[in-house]
N, C-alpha and C. Protein backbone atom coordinates (compact mmCIF):
# COMPACT_ATOMS: atom_id res chain seq x y z
N UNK A 1 3.84 -0.85 -7.13
CA UNK A 1 2.94 0.06 -7.79
C UNK A 1 1.80 -0.76 -8.39
N UNK A 2 0.61 -0.21 -8.37
CA UNK A 2 -0.56 -0.87 -8.95
C UNK A 2 -0.99 -0.08 -10.17
N UNK A 3 -1.10 -0.78 -11.29
CA UNK A 3 -1.41 -0.12 -12.56
C UNK A 3 -2.67 -0.72 -13.18
N UNK A 4 -3.43 0.09 -13.93
CA UNK A 4 -4.56 -0.46 -14.66
C UNK A 4 -4.08 -1.40 -15.75
N UNK A 5 -4.87 -2.41 -16.03
CA UNK A 5 -4.55 -3.34 -17.11
C UNK A 5 -5.29 -2.88 -18.35
N UNK A 6 -4.57 -2.87 -19.47
CA UNK A 6 -5.16 -2.59 -20.78
C UNK A 6 -4.52 -3.55 -21.78
N UNK A 7 -4.74 -3.34 -23.04
CA UNK A 7 -4.22 -4.27 -24.04
C UNK A 7 -2.69 -4.36 -24.02
N UNK A 8 -2.01 -3.30 -23.58
CA UNK A 8 -0.55 -3.31 -23.62
C UNK A 8 0.06 -4.24 -22.57
N UNK A 9 -0.66 -4.50 -21.47
CA UNK A 9 -0.11 -5.37 -20.42
C UNK A 9 -1.05 -6.52 -20.06
N UNK A 10 -2.05 -6.74 -20.91
CA UNK A 10 -3.04 -7.78 -20.64
C UNK A 10 -2.43 -9.18 -20.60
N UNK A 11 -1.49 -9.47 -21.49
CA UNK A 11 -0.88 -10.80 -21.48
C UNK A 11 -0.09 -11.03 -20.18
N UNK A 12 0.57 -10.01 -19.67
CA UNK A 12 1.27 -10.15 -18.39
C UNK A 12 0.28 -10.48 -17.27
N UNK A 13 -0.84 -9.76 -17.24
CA UNK A 13 -1.86 -10.02 -16.23
C UNK A 13 -2.43 -11.42 -16.38
N UNK A 14 -2.66 -11.84 -17.62
CA UNK A 14 -3.21 -13.17 -17.89
C UNK A 14 -2.23 -14.27 -17.49
N UNK A 15 -0.96 -14.02 -17.65
CA UNK A 15 0.05 -15.00 -17.25
C UNK A 15 0.05 -15.18 -15.74
N UNK A 16 -0.03 -14.08 -15.00
CA UNK A 16 -0.14 -14.16 -13.53
C UNK A 16 -1.39 -14.94 -13.16
N UNK A 17 -2.49 -14.59 -13.80
CA UNK A 17 -3.77 -15.26 -13.52
C UNK A 17 -3.66 -16.75 -13.79
N UNK A 18 -3.07 -17.13 -14.91
CA UNK A 18 -2.94 -18.53 -15.29
C UNK A 18 -2.10 -19.31 -14.28
N UNK A 19 -0.91 -18.81 -14.00
CA UNK A 19 0.00 -19.50 -13.08
C UNK A 19 -0.64 -19.65 -11.70
N UNK A 20 -1.21 -18.57 -11.19
CA UNK A 20 -1.76 -18.56 -9.84
C UNK A 20 -3.03 -19.39 -9.75
N UNK A 21 -3.89 -19.30 -10.76
CA UNK A 21 -5.14 -20.08 -10.76
C UNK A 21 -4.81 -21.56 -10.77
N UNK A 22 -3.88 -21.95 -11.62
CA UNK A 22 -3.51 -23.37 -11.68
C UNK A 22 -3.03 -23.87 -10.32
N UNK A 23 -2.17 -23.11 -9.69
CA UNK A 23 -1.62 -23.53 -8.39
C UNK A 23 -2.71 -23.60 -7.33
N UNK A 24 -3.60 -22.63 -7.31
CA UNK A 24 -4.63 -22.60 -6.27
C UNK A 24 -5.72 -23.65 -6.46
N UNK A 25 -5.88 -24.16 -7.68
CA UNK A 25 -6.93 -25.14 -7.95
C UNK A 25 -6.41 -26.56 -8.16
N UNK A 26 -5.11 -26.73 -8.15
CA UNK A 26 -4.49 -28.02 -8.46
C UNK A 26 -4.94 -29.15 -7.52
N UNK A 27 -5.19 -28.84 -6.27
CA UNK A 27 -5.51 -29.89 -5.30
C UNK A 27 -6.91 -30.49 -5.48
N UNK A 28 -7.80 -29.79 -6.19
CA UNK A 28 -9.16 -30.30 -6.27
C UNK A 28 -9.78 -30.27 -7.66
N UNK A 29 -9.00 -29.91 -8.68
CA UNK A 29 -9.48 -29.95 -10.06
C UNK A 29 -8.70 -31.00 -10.84
N UNK A 30 -9.33 -31.55 -11.85
CA UNK A 30 -8.68 -32.57 -12.68
C UNK A 30 -7.51 -31.94 -13.44
N UNK A 31 -6.40 -32.68 -13.58
CA UNK A 31 -5.22 -32.15 -14.25
C UNK A 31 -5.50 -31.62 -15.67
N UNK A 32 -6.34 -32.31 -16.43
CA UNK A 32 -6.62 -31.84 -17.79
C UNK A 32 -7.38 -30.52 -17.76
N UNK A 33 -8.26 -30.32 -16.77
CA UNK A 33 -8.97 -29.04 -16.64
C UNK A 33 -8.01 -27.94 -16.22
N UNK A 34 -7.10 -28.25 -15.31
CA UNK A 34 -6.09 -27.27 -14.87
C UNK A 34 -5.30 -26.76 -16.08
N UNK A 35 -4.87 -27.67 -16.91
CA UNK A 35 -4.00 -27.29 -18.03
C UNK A 35 -4.71 -26.48 -19.11
N UNK A 36 -6.04 -26.43 -19.09
CA UNK A 36 -6.74 -25.59 -20.07
C UNK A 36 -6.60 -24.10 -19.74
N UNK A 37 -6.19 -23.78 -18.54
CA UNK A 37 -6.09 -22.38 -18.10
C UNK A 37 -4.73 -21.78 -18.48
N UNK A 38 -4.51 -21.69 -19.77
CA UNK A 38 -3.27 -21.14 -20.32
C UNK A 38 -3.31 -19.61 -20.27
N UNK A 39 -2.17 -18.97 -20.40
CA UNK A 39 -2.18 -17.50 -20.48
C UNK A 39 -3.06 -16.99 -21.62
N UNK A 40 -3.07 -17.65 -22.76
CA UNK A 40 -3.92 -17.19 -23.87
C UNK A 40 -5.40 -17.28 -23.51
N UNK A 41 -5.79 -18.39 -22.88
CA UNK A 41 -7.19 -18.54 -22.48
C UNK A 41 -7.56 -17.51 -21.43
N UNK A 42 -6.70 -17.29 -20.46
CA UNK A 42 -6.99 -16.33 -19.41
C UNK A 42 -7.00 -14.90 -19.96
N UNK A 43 -6.21 -14.65 -20.98
CA UNK A 43 -6.23 -13.32 -21.62
C UNK A 43 -7.62 -13.05 -22.20
N UNK A 44 -8.20 -14.04 -22.85
CA UNK A 44 -9.54 -13.87 -23.42
C UNK A 44 -10.57 -13.71 -22.31
N UNK A 45 -10.43 -14.48 -21.25
CA UNK A 45 -11.34 -14.37 -20.10
C UNK A 45 -11.28 -12.94 -19.53
N UNK A 46 -10.08 -12.43 -19.30
CA UNK A 46 -9.92 -11.10 -18.74
C UNK A 46 -10.36 -10.02 -19.73
N UNK A 47 -10.06 -10.20 -20.99
CA UNK A 47 -10.47 -9.24 -22.02
C UNK A 47 -12.00 -9.14 -22.05
N UNK A 48 -12.68 -10.27 -21.98
CA UNK A 48 -14.15 -10.27 -21.97
C UNK A 48 -14.69 -9.54 -20.75
N UNK A 49 -14.08 -9.76 -19.61
CA UNK A 49 -14.52 -9.07 -18.39
C UNK A 49 -14.33 -7.56 -18.55
N UNK A 50 -13.18 -7.16 -19.08
CA UNK A 50 -12.91 -5.74 -19.25
C UNK A 50 -13.89 -5.10 -20.24
N UNK A 51 -14.23 -5.81 -21.30
CA UNK A 51 -15.15 -5.26 -22.29
C UNK A 51 -16.57 -5.14 -21.73
N UNK A 52 -16.85 -5.83 -20.62
CA UNK A 52 -18.16 -5.74 -19.96
C UNK A 52 -18.16 -4.71 -18.83
N UNK A 53 -17.08 -3.97 -18.66
CA UNK A 53 -17.03 -2.91 -17.67
C UNK A 53 -16.21 -3.19 -16.43
N UNK A 54 -15.66 -4.39 -16.30
CA UNK A 54 -14.81 -4.71 -15.16
C UNK A 54 -13.48 -3.97 -15.28
N UNK A 55 -13.00 -3.46 -14.17
CA UNK A 55 -11.68 -2.82 -14.11
C UNK A 55 -10.69 -3.87 -13.60
N UNK A 56 -9.56 -3.96 -14.28
CA UNK A 56 -8.53 -4.92 -13.91
C UNK A 56 -7.26 -4.16 -13.55
N UNK A 57 -6.62 -4.60 -12.47
CA UNK A 57 -5.41 -3.94 -11.99
C UNK A 57 -4.31 -4.97 -11.77
N UNK A 58 -3.06 -4.51 -11.93
CA UNK A 58 -1.91 -5.40 -11.78
C UNK A 58 -0.93 -4.77 -10.80
N UNK A 59 -0.46 -5.60 -9.87
CA UNK A 59 0.56 -5.18 -8.91
C UNK A 59 1.92 -5.48 -9.53
N UNK A 60 2.72 -4.43 -9.63
CA UNK A 60 4.06 -4.55 -10.20
C UNK A 60 5.05 -4.10 -9.14
N UNK A 61 5.88 -5.02 -8.70
CA UNK A 61 6.98 -4.65 -7.83
C UNK A 61 8.19 -4.59 -8.79
N UNK A 62 9.19 -5.38 -8.68
CA UNK A 62 10.24 -5.34 -9.70
C UNK A 62 9.76 -5.95 -11.00
N UNK A 63 8.71 -6.77 -10.91
CA UNK A 63 8.08 -7.38 -12.07
C UNK A 63 6.59 -7.51 -11.75
N UNK A 64 5.74 -7.80 -12.74
CA UNK A 64 4.32 -8.01 -12.46
C UNK A 64 4.14 -9.26 -11.59
N UNK A 65 3.39 -9.11 -10.47
CA UNK A 65 3.26 -10.24 -9.55
C UNK A 65 1.85 -10.52 -9.07
N UNK A 66 0.90 -9.64 -9.38
CA UNK A 66 -0.45 -9.86 -8.88
C UNK A 66 -1.49 -9.19 -9.75
N UNK A 67 -2.71 -9.70 -9.68
CA UNK A 67 -3.84 -9.12 -10.41
C UNK A 67 -5.08 -9.13 -9.53
N UNK A 68 -6.02 -8.26 -9.87
CA UNK A 68 -7.33 -8.23 -9.22
C UNK A 68 -8.30 -7.53 -10.17
N UNK A 69 -9.57 -7.92 -10.11
CA UNK A 69 -10.59 -7.24 -10.90
C UNK A 69 -11.67 -6.69 -9.97
N UNK A 70 -12.29 -5.58 -10.42
CA UNK A 70 -13.36 -4.94 -9.65
C UNK A 70 -14.49 -4.58 -10.61
N UNK A 71 -15.70 -5.02 -10.25
CA UNK A 71 -16.91 -4.65 -10.98
C UNK A 71 -17.88 -4.07 -9.97
N UNK A 72 -18.01 -2.75 -9.97
CA UNK A 72 -18.81 -2.03 -8.98
C UNK A 72 -18.30 -2.36 -7.58
N UNK A 73 -18.94 -3.29 -6.86
CA UNK A 73 -18.45 -3.67 -5.54
C UNK A 73 -17.88 -5.07 -5.49
N UNK A 74 -17.94 -5.78 -6.60
CA UNK A 74 -17.50 -7.18 -6.64
C UNK A 74 -16.00 -7.28 -6.94
N UNK A 75 -15.26 -7.85 -6.01
CA UNK A 75 -13.82 -8.07 -6.18
C UNK A 75 -13.62 -9.52 -6.58
N UNK A 76 -12.91 -9.74 -7.69
CA UNK A 76 -12.64 -11.09 -8.17
C UNK A 76 -11.20 -11.18 -8.67
N UNK A 77 -10.81 -12.38 -9.01
CA UNK A 77 -9.53 -12.62 -9.69
C UNK A 77 -8.34 -12.09 -8.92
N UNK A 78 -8.38 -12.15 -7.60
CA UNK A 78 -7.25 -11.70 -6.79
C UNK A 78 -6.23 -12.83 -6.73
N UNK A 79 -5.13 -12.63 -7.44
CA UNK A 79 -4.08 -13.65 -7.50
C UNK A 79 -2.72 -13.00 -7.36
N UNK A 80 -1.88 -13.61 -6.55
CA UNK A 80 -0.47 -13.24 -6.40
C UNK A 80 0.32 -14.47 -6.84
N UNK A 81 1.39 -14.26 -7.59
CA UNK A 81 2.22 -15.40 -8.00
C UNK A 81 2.58 -16.25 -6.78
N UNK A 82 2.54 -17.57 -6.92
CA UNK A 82 2.77 -18.46 -5.77
C UNK A 82 4.05 -18.18 -4.99
N UNK A 83 5.15 -17.87 -5.68
CA UNK A 83 6.41 -17.64 -4.97
C UNK A 83 6.50 -16.26 -4.32
N UNK A 84 5.47 -15.44 -4.48
CA UNK A 84 5.46 -14.10 -3.89
C UNK A 84 4.36 -13.97 -2.82
N UNK A 85 3.73 -15.06 -2.46
CA UNK A 85 2.66 -15.02 -1.47
C UNK A 85 3.22 -14.95 -0.06
N UNK A 86 2.37 -14.57 0.87
CA UNK A 86 2.71 -14.47 2.30
C UNK A 86 3.76 -13.40 2.58
N UNK A 87 3.70 -12.32 1.78
CA UNK A 87 4.61 -11.19 1.97
C UNK A 87 3.83 -9.87 2.13
N UNK A 88 2.51 -9.96 2.29
CA UNK A 88 1.69 -8.76 2.42
C UNK A 88 1.22 -8.18 1.09
N UNK A 89 1.59 -8.81 -0.01
CA UNK A 89 1.25 -8.26 -1.32
C UNK A 89 -0.23 -8.45 -1.66
N UNK A 90 -0.81 -9.57 -1.23
CA UNK A 90 -2.24 -9.79 -1.43
C UNK A 90 -3.05 -8.76 -0.65
N UNK A 91 -2.62 -8.46 0.56
CA UNK A 91 -3.28 -7.44 1.36
C UNK A 91 -3.22 -6.09 0.66
N UNK A 92 -2.06 -5.75 0.16
CA UNK A 92 -1.88 -4.48 -0.55
C UNK A 92 -2.83 -4.38 -1.75
N UNK A 93 -2.90 -5.44 -2.53
CA UNK A 93 -3.75 -5.45 -3.72
C UNK A 93 -5.23 -5.44 -3.33
N UNK A 94 -5.59 -6.19 -2.30
CA UNK A 94 -6.97 -6.22 -1.85
C UNK A 94 -7.42 -4.84 -1.35
N UNK A 95 -6.60 -4.19 -0.55
CA UNK A 95 -6.96 -2.86 -0.05
C UNK A 95 -7.13 -1.87 -1.20
N UNK A 96 -6.28 -1.98 -2.21
CA UNK A 96 -6.43 -1.13 -3.38
C UNK A 96 -7.77 -1.40 -4.06
N UNK A 97 -8.09 -2.68 -4.24
CA UNK A 97 -9.34 -3.07 -4.89
C UNK A 97 -10.55 -2.53 -4.11
N UNK A 98 -10.50 -2.63 -2.79
CA UNK A 98 -11.59 -2.11 -1.95
C UNK A 98 -11.78 -0.62 -2.24
N UNK A 99 -10.69 0.10 -2.39
CA UNK A 99 -10.76 1.53 -2.69
C UNK A 99 -11.34 1.85 -4.06
N UNK A 100 -11.33 0.88 -4.95
CA UNK A 100 -11.88 1.08 -6.30
C UNK A 100 -13.37 0.74 -6.38
N UNK A 101 -13.90 0.13 -5.33
CA UNK A 101 -15.31 -0.30 -5.34
C UNK A 101 -16.24 0.90 -5.28
N UNK A 102 -17.30 0.85 -6.08
CA UNK A 102 -18.32 1.90 -6.05
C UNK A 102 -19.56 1.46 -5.27
N UNK A 103 -19.63 0.19 -4.90
CA UNK A 103 -20.68 -0.37 -4.05
C UNK A 103 -19.99 -1.06 -2.87
N UNK A 104 -20.78 -1.64 -1.97
CA UNK A 104 -20.21 -2.40 -0.85
C UNK A 104 -19.28 -3.47 -1.39
N UNK A 105 -18.03 -3.50 -0.94
CA UNK A 105 -17.11 -4.53 -1.42
C UNK A 105 -17.57 -5.93 -1.03
N UNK A 106 -17.70 -6.78 -2.03
CA UNK A 106 -18.05 -8.19 -1.82
C UNK A 106 -17.11 -9.05 -2.62
N UNK A 107 -17.01 -10.31 -2.21
CA UNK A 107 -16.21 -11.28 -2.96
C UNK A 107 -16.70 -12.67 -2.62
N UNK A 108 -16.35 -13.61 -3.45
CA UNK A 108 -16.71 -15.01 -3.26
C UNK A 108 -15.43 -15.81 -3.16
N UNK A 109 -15.39 -16.77 -2.22
CA UNK A 109 -14.23 -17.66 -2.14
C UNK A 109 -14.70 -19.10 -2.05
N UNK A 110 -13.86 -19.98 -2.53
CA UNK A 110 -14.14 -21.40 -2.35
C UNK A 110 -13.98 -21.73 -0.87
N UNK A 111 -14.90 -22.52 -0.35
CA UNK A 111 -14.90 -22.81 1.09
C UNK A 111 -13.62 -23.48 1.58
N UNK A 112 -12.85 -24.08 0.66
CA UNK A 112 -11.61 -24.74 1.06
C UNK A 112 -10.39 -23.81 0.97
N UNK A 113 -10.59 -22.55 0.63
CA UNK A 113 -9.48 -21.61 0.48
C UNK A 113 -9.24 -20.89 1.82
N UNK A 114 -8.62 -21.61 2.73
CA UNK A 114 -8.41 -21.11 4.09
C UNK A 114 -7.51 -19.87 4.12
N UNK A 115 -6.48 -19.84 3.28
CA UNK A 115 -5.58 -18.68 3.27
C UNK A 115 -6.30 -17.42 2.83
N UNK A 116 -7.13 -17.52 1.79
CA UNK A 116 -7.88 -16.35 1.33
C UNK A 116 -8.87 -15.91 2.40
N UNK A 117 -9.55 -16.88 3.01
CA UNK A 117 -10.52 -16.53 4.06
C UNK A 117 -9.83 -15.78 5.20
N UNK A 118 -8.68 -16.23 5.59
CA UNK A 118 -7.93 -15.58 6.67
C UNK A 118 -7.59 -14.13 6.27
N UNK A 119 -7.14 -13.92 5.05
CA UNK A 119 -6.82 -12.57 4.56
C UNK A 119 -8.06 -11.69 4.59
N UNK A 120 -9.17 -12.17 4.04
CA UNK A 120 -10.37 -11.35 3.95
C UNK A 120 -10.93 -11.02 5.33
N UNK A 121 -10.91 -11.97 6.23
CA UNK A 121 -11.40 -11.72 7.59
C UNK A 121 -10.51 -10.69 8.31
N UNK A 122 -9.22 -10.77 8.08
CA UNK A 122 -8.28 -9.83 8.71
C UNK A 122 -8.58 -8.39 8.27
N UNK A 123 -9.02 -8.22 7.03
CA UNK A 123 -9.34 -6.89 6.50
C UNK A 123 -10.70 -6.41 7.00
N UNK A 124 -11.55 -7.34 7.44
CA UNK A 124 -12.87 -6.95 7.95
C UNK A 124 -14.04 -7.54 7.18
N UNK A 125 -13.77 -8.40 6.20
CA UNK A 125 -14.86 -9.05 5.46
C UNK A 125 -15.52 -10.09 6.37
N UNK A 126 -16.84 -10.22 6.19
CA UNK A 126 -17.60 -11.21 6.95
C UNK A 126 -18.50 -11.99 6.00
N UNK A 127 -18.79 -13.24 6.37
CA UNK A 127 -19.70 -14.06 5.57
C UNK A 127 -21.08 -13.41 5.54
N UNK A 128 -21.71 -13.45 4.36
CA UNK A 128 -23.06 -12.89 4.22
C UNK A 128 -24.13 -13.96 4.41
N UNK A 129 -23.74 -15.22 4.34
CA UNK A 129 -24.71 -16.32 4.40
C UNK A 129 -25.09 -16.85 3.03
N UNK A 130 -24.68 -16.15 1.99
CA UNK A 130 -24.98 -16.62 0.63
C UNK A 130 -23.92 -17.62 0.19
N UNK A 131 -24.37 -18.69 -0.50
CA UNK A 131 -23.47 -19.72 -1.01
C UNK A 131 -23.90 -20.13 -2.40
N UNK A 132 -22.93 -20.59 -3.19
CA UNK A 132 -23.18 -21.20 -4.49
C UNK A 132 -22.52 -22.58 -4.48
N UNK A 133 -23.23 -23.58 -4.94
CA UNK A 133 -22.63 -24.91 -5.06
C UNK A 133 -21.78 -24.95 -6.33
N UNK A 134 -20.51 -25.22 -6.17
CA UNK A 134 -19.60 -25.34 -7.31
C UNK A 134 -19.63 -26.77 -7.82
N UNK A 135 -19.53 -27.70 -6.91
CA UNK A 135 -19.70 -29.12 -7.21
C UNK A 135 -20.56 -29.69 -6.08
N UNK A 136 -20.83 -30.98 -6.13
CA UNK A 136 -21.61 -31.56 -5.04
C UNK A 136 -20.82 -31.66 -3.75
N UNK A 137 -19.53 -31.33 -3.79
CA UNK A 137 -18.69 -31.38 -2.59
C UNK A 137 -18.07 -30.04 -2.22
N UNK A 138 -18.27 -29.01 -3.05
CA UNK A 138 -17.56 -27.74 -2.83
C UNK A 138 -18.49 -26.56 -3.07
N UNK A 139 -18.54 -25.66 -2.08
CA UNK A 139 -19.33 -24.44 -2.19
C UNK A 139 -18.43 -23.22 -2.31
N UNK A 140 -19.01 -22.19 -2.85
CA UNK A 140 -18.39 -20.87 -2.90
C UNK A 140 -19.18 -20.02 -1.90
N UNK A 141 -18.48 -19.24 -1.08
CA UNK A 141 -19.09 -18.48 0.00
C UNK A 141 -18.88 -16.99 -0.26
N UNK A 142 -19.95 -16.20 -0.08
CA UNK A 142 -19.84 -14.75 -0.27
C UNK A 142 -19.41 -14.08 1.03
N UNK A 143 -18.52 -13.11 0.89
CA UNK A 143 -18.08 -12.25 1.99
C UNK A 143 -18.32 -10.81 1.59
N UNK A 144 -18.61 -9.97 2.57
CA UNK A 144 -18.77 -8.53 2.32
C UNK A 144 -18.01 -7.76 3.39
N UNK A 145 -17.55 -6.57 3.01
CA UNK A 145 -16.86 -5.70 3.95
C UNK A 145 -17.92 -4.87 4.65
N UNK A 146 -18.05 -5.09 5.94
CA UNK A 146 -19.12 -4.41 6.68
C UNK A 146 -18.58 -3.42 7.68
């Protein structure tokens, strides 16, 4: 089941975000930077997004296991707990997020995130040609559902 996130379940969503973000960024971020992404810090990050109009959703199977945010057509913060990945749950959450979009669904991924790229392409997302330099060695690439 996918539920909206509010203050009553925000810490659960932030914990998923923290655990999953750390795991997905561990290979290319400094360990001290990784460790700053605590559940409390991510709660504030998500709270700020929500107060600016972003909708946040949490996937709950027997327990909370995934999160995603939607701002008009922009899909961000799609995370599934590491031990629950590759079971179709990311697809389920992504399709839900697409349905919540009020504009053309778009998202940005790090160019080294091959698993995410494979998921997004399978759903029908395509590169738009827009890029942002994250570091001098790593770009973020925009995809849109066309």
